Amino acid sequence: MVCEGSTPALGKGIFPGDDPLDGSSLAGIEALASRLGEIKRSPCGPQQAARQTAEQLGLLPEIDNALGDIGHGRWAGRPIEEVLALEEQAFRDWLEGTSAAPGGESIEALVGKVGFWLDSRVSLARTAAIVVFQPSFVLRCSRCSGLRWCRFRVSTSAP
């Protein structure tokens, strides 16, 4: 599983929307290309950055909405610090995992969606070399689902 390249929103601590890759991602993607080998399939989240990451590696992304980023609802495009200041309780409830962002999706729902996708694709991974492209949040949910553990910390600051 490969995390999509970084986006301008990620570097600024902003809830992402459908953001493109930023320029700093390209060198890392080029370095990754030499280590991947021959890839038969490339399932990909629908976000622009995930698609662009696969395309930069010379792959044809197979868009699958189940690999899409968590729905941030009305928080998409807003700085995390702003949301925390204006909607502190909703933000904290969302961090606990069971509450959705207003108009969005809960962490628990995302872990379930990604877990279902993983469980239904186990045989595919045994028969073909695949690389899955997804946002970092979805990648963490994939790990949690694979471990059957859905509690994890979400950073509230820019990486």
Protein backbone atom coordinates (compact mmCIF):
# COMPACT_ATOMS: atom_id res chain seq x y z
CA MET A 1 0.00 0.00 0.00
CA VAL A 2 1.34 3.38 -0.99
CA CYS A 3 0.33 6.68 0.51
CA GLU A 4 -0.49 9.34 -2.04
CA GLY A 5 2.07 12.11 -2.41
CA SER A 6 1.82 15.23 -0.28
CA THR A 7 -0.58 18.05 -1.07
CA PRO A 8 -0.54 21.76 -0.24
CA ALA A 9 -3.30 21.22 2.36
CA LEU A 10 -1.33 18.52 4.15
CA GLY A 11 1.68 20.77 4.64
CA LYS A 12 -0.47 23.58 6.01
CA GLY A 13 -2.55 21.60 8.53
CA ILE A 14 -5.76 21.96 6.51
CA PHE A 15 -8.51 19.36 6.24
CA PRO A 16 -8.05 18.01 2.72
CA GLY A 17 -10.49 18.12 -0.13
CA ASP A 18 -9.69 16.85 -3.61
CA ASP A 19 -6.22 18.38 -3.69
CA PRO A 20 -3.47 17.91 -6.32
CA LEU A 21 0.06 16.82 -5.52
CA ASP A 22 2.49 19.51 -4.50
CA GLY A 23 5.87 19.85 -6.19
CA SER A 24 7.80 18.28 -3.31
CA SER A 25 6.18 14.89 -3.94
CA LEU A 26 7.68 14.27 -7.34
CA ALA A 27 11.21 13.36 -6.21
CA GLY A 28 9.87 10.85 -3.70
CA ILE A 29 7.58 9.30 -6.27
CA GLU A 30 10.46 8.97 -8.74
CA ALA A 31 12.56 7.22 -6.07
CA LEU A 32 9.70 4.84 -5.34
CA ALA A 33 9.29 3.92 -9.00
CA SER A 34 12.68 2.21 -9.12
CA ARG A 35 11.75 -0.05 -6.17
CA LEU A 36 8.30 -1.24 -7.23
CA GLY A 37 9.03 -3.71 -10.00
CA GLU A 38 6.29 -4.90 -12.34
CA ILE A 39 2.81 -4.03 -11.13
CA LYS A 40 -0.26 -5.83 -12.53
CA ARG A 41 -3.00 -3.84 -10.79
CA SER A 42 -3.20 -0.41 -9.19
CA PRO A 43 -6.40 0.15 -7.18
CA CYS A 44 -6.58 3.81 -6.26
CA GLY A 45 -8.67 6.19 -4.20
CA PRO A 46 -10.62 8.76 -6.23
CA GLN A 47 -8.71 11.77 -4.90
CA GLN A 48 -6.64 13.74 -7.36
CA ALA A 49 -3.39 13.22 -5.40
CA ALA A 50 -3.85 9.44 -5.27
CA ARG A 51 -4.54 9.28 -9.01
CA GLN A 52 -1.59 11.56 -9.79
CA THR A 53 0.73 9.43 -7.65
CA ALA A 54 -0.19 6.30 -9.60
CA GLU A 55 0.11 8.14 -12.91
CA GLN A 56 3.54 9.55 -12.00
CA LEU A 57 4.64 5.93 -11.55
CA GLY A 58 3.44 5.13 -15.07
CA LEU A 59 0.42 3.15 -13.85
CA LEU A 60 -3.21 3.33 -14.87
CA PRO A 61 -5.13 3.94 -11.63
CA GLU A 62 -8.16 1.73 -11.06
CA ILE A 63 -10.45 4.12 -9.18
CA ASP A 64 -12.26 2.59 -6.22
CA ASN A 65 -14.36 4.85 -3.98
CA ALA A 66 -13.82 2.50 -1.03
CA LEU A 67 -10.21 3.75 -0.97
CA GLY A 68 -11.28 7.38 -0.81
CA ASP A 69 -10.30 9.69 2.00
CA ILE A 70 -12.53 10.19 5.01
CA GLY A 71 -15.35 12.62 4.32
CA HIS A 72 -14.50 15.83 6.15
CA GLY A 73 -17.84 17.45 5.34
CA ARG A 74 -17.90 21.19 5.98
CA TRP A 75 -14.40 21.03 7.47
CA ALA A 76 -12.80 20.29 4.08
CA GLY A 77 -10.47 23.10 3.09
CA ARG A 78 -10.45 24.65 6.57
CA PRO A 79 -7.41 24.83 8.87
CA ILE A 80 -7.51 22.25 11.65
CA GLU A 81 -6.74 24.94 14.24
CA GLU A 82 -9.74 26.99 13.05
CA VAL A 83 -12.08 24.01 13.33
CA LEU A 84 -10.71 23.26 16.79
CA ALA A 85 -11.29 26.86 17.89
CA LEU A 86 -14.82 27.15 16.47
CA GLU A 87 -16.16 23.62 16.89
CA GLU A 88 -14.05 22.17 19.68
CA GLN A 89 -16.55 19.60 20.98
CA ALA A 90 -17.50 18.33 17.49
CA PHE A 91 -13.80 18.06 16.65
CA ARG A 92 -13.01 16.15 19.85
CA ASP A 93 -15.99 13.83 19.30
CA TRP A 94 -14.73 13.17 15.76
CA LEU A 95 -11.27 12.35 17.11
CA GLU A 96 -12.83 9.73 19.38
CA GLY A 97 -13.78 7.91 16.20
CA THR A 98 -17.52 7.31 16.41
CA SER A 99 -18.86 10.78 15.50
CA ALA A 100 -18.77 12.11 11.96
CA ALA A 101 -17.47 15.48 10.95
CA PRO A 102 -20.52 17.70 10.19
CA GLY A 103 -21.70 16.49 6.79
CA GLY A 104 -18.84 13.98 6.68
CA GLU A 105 -17.83 10.55 7.90
CA SER A 106 -16.65 9.03 11.19
CA ILE A 107 -13.29 7.33 11.62
CA GLU A 108 -15.14 4.18 12.69
CA ALA A 109 -17.13 4.19 9.42
CA LEU A 110 -13.94 4.64 7.39
CA VAL A 111 -12.19 1.78 9.19
CA GLY A 112 -15.21 -0.44 8.45
CA LYS A 113 -15.31 0.56 4.77
CA VAL A 114 -11.59 -0.02 4.29
CA GLY A 115 -11.71 -3.27 6.27
CA PHE A 116 -14.47 -4.60 4.02
CA TRP A 117 -12.44 -3.62 0.95
CA LEU A 118 -9.34 -5.40 2.30
CA ASP A 119 -11.25 -8.54 3.27
CA SER A 120 -12.82 -8.76 -0.18
CA ARG A 121 -9.45 -8.38 -1.96
CA VAL A 122 -7.29 -10.91 -0.11
CA SER A 123 -7.36 -13.41 -2.98
CA LEU A 124 -6.42 -10.69 -5.49
CA ALA A 125 -3.19 -9.98 -3.62
CA ARG A 126 -2.26 -13.66 -3.86
CA THR A 127 -2.62 -13.79 -7.63
CA ALA A 128 -1.13 -10.50 -8.88
CA ALA A 129 1.40 -7.86 -7.97
CA ILE A 130 -0.73 -4.89 -6.92
CA VAL A 131 -0.05 -1.50 -5.42
CA VAL A 132 -2.90 0.33 -3.69
CA PHE A 133 -2.78 4.14 -3.70
CA GLN A 134 -4.64 5.92 -0.93
CA PRO A 135 -4.59 8.97 1.34
CA SER A 136 -2.55 8.72 4.55
CA PHE A 137 -5.67 8.64 6.72
CA VAL A 138 -7.04 5.69 4.75
CA LEU A 139 -3.67 3.95 4.94
CA ARG A 140 -3.77 4.19 8.74
CA CYS A 141 -7.31 2.80 8.73
CA SER A 142 -6.09 -0.08 6.55
CA ARG A 143 -3.48 -0.91 9.15
CA CYS A 144 -6.03 -0.66 11.96
CA SER A 145 -8.46 -2.87 10.09
CA GLY A 146 -5.76 -5.43 9.33
CA LEU A 147 -4.94 -5.56 13.02
CA ARG A 148 -8.64 -5.57 13.95
CA TRP A 149 -7.94 -2.47 16.05
CA CYS A 150 -9.70 0.76 15.26
CA ARG A 151 -8.44 3.20 17.89
CA PHE A 152 -5.62 5.42 16.74
CA ARG A 153 -4.48 8.97 17.32
CA VAL A 154 -5.04 11.67 14.78
CA SER A 155 -2.45 14.43 14.72
CA THR A 156 -3.97 17.87 15.04
CA SER A 157 -0.93 19.70 13.70
CA ALA A 158 0.73 19.92 10.33
CA PRO A 159 3.27 17.15 9.63
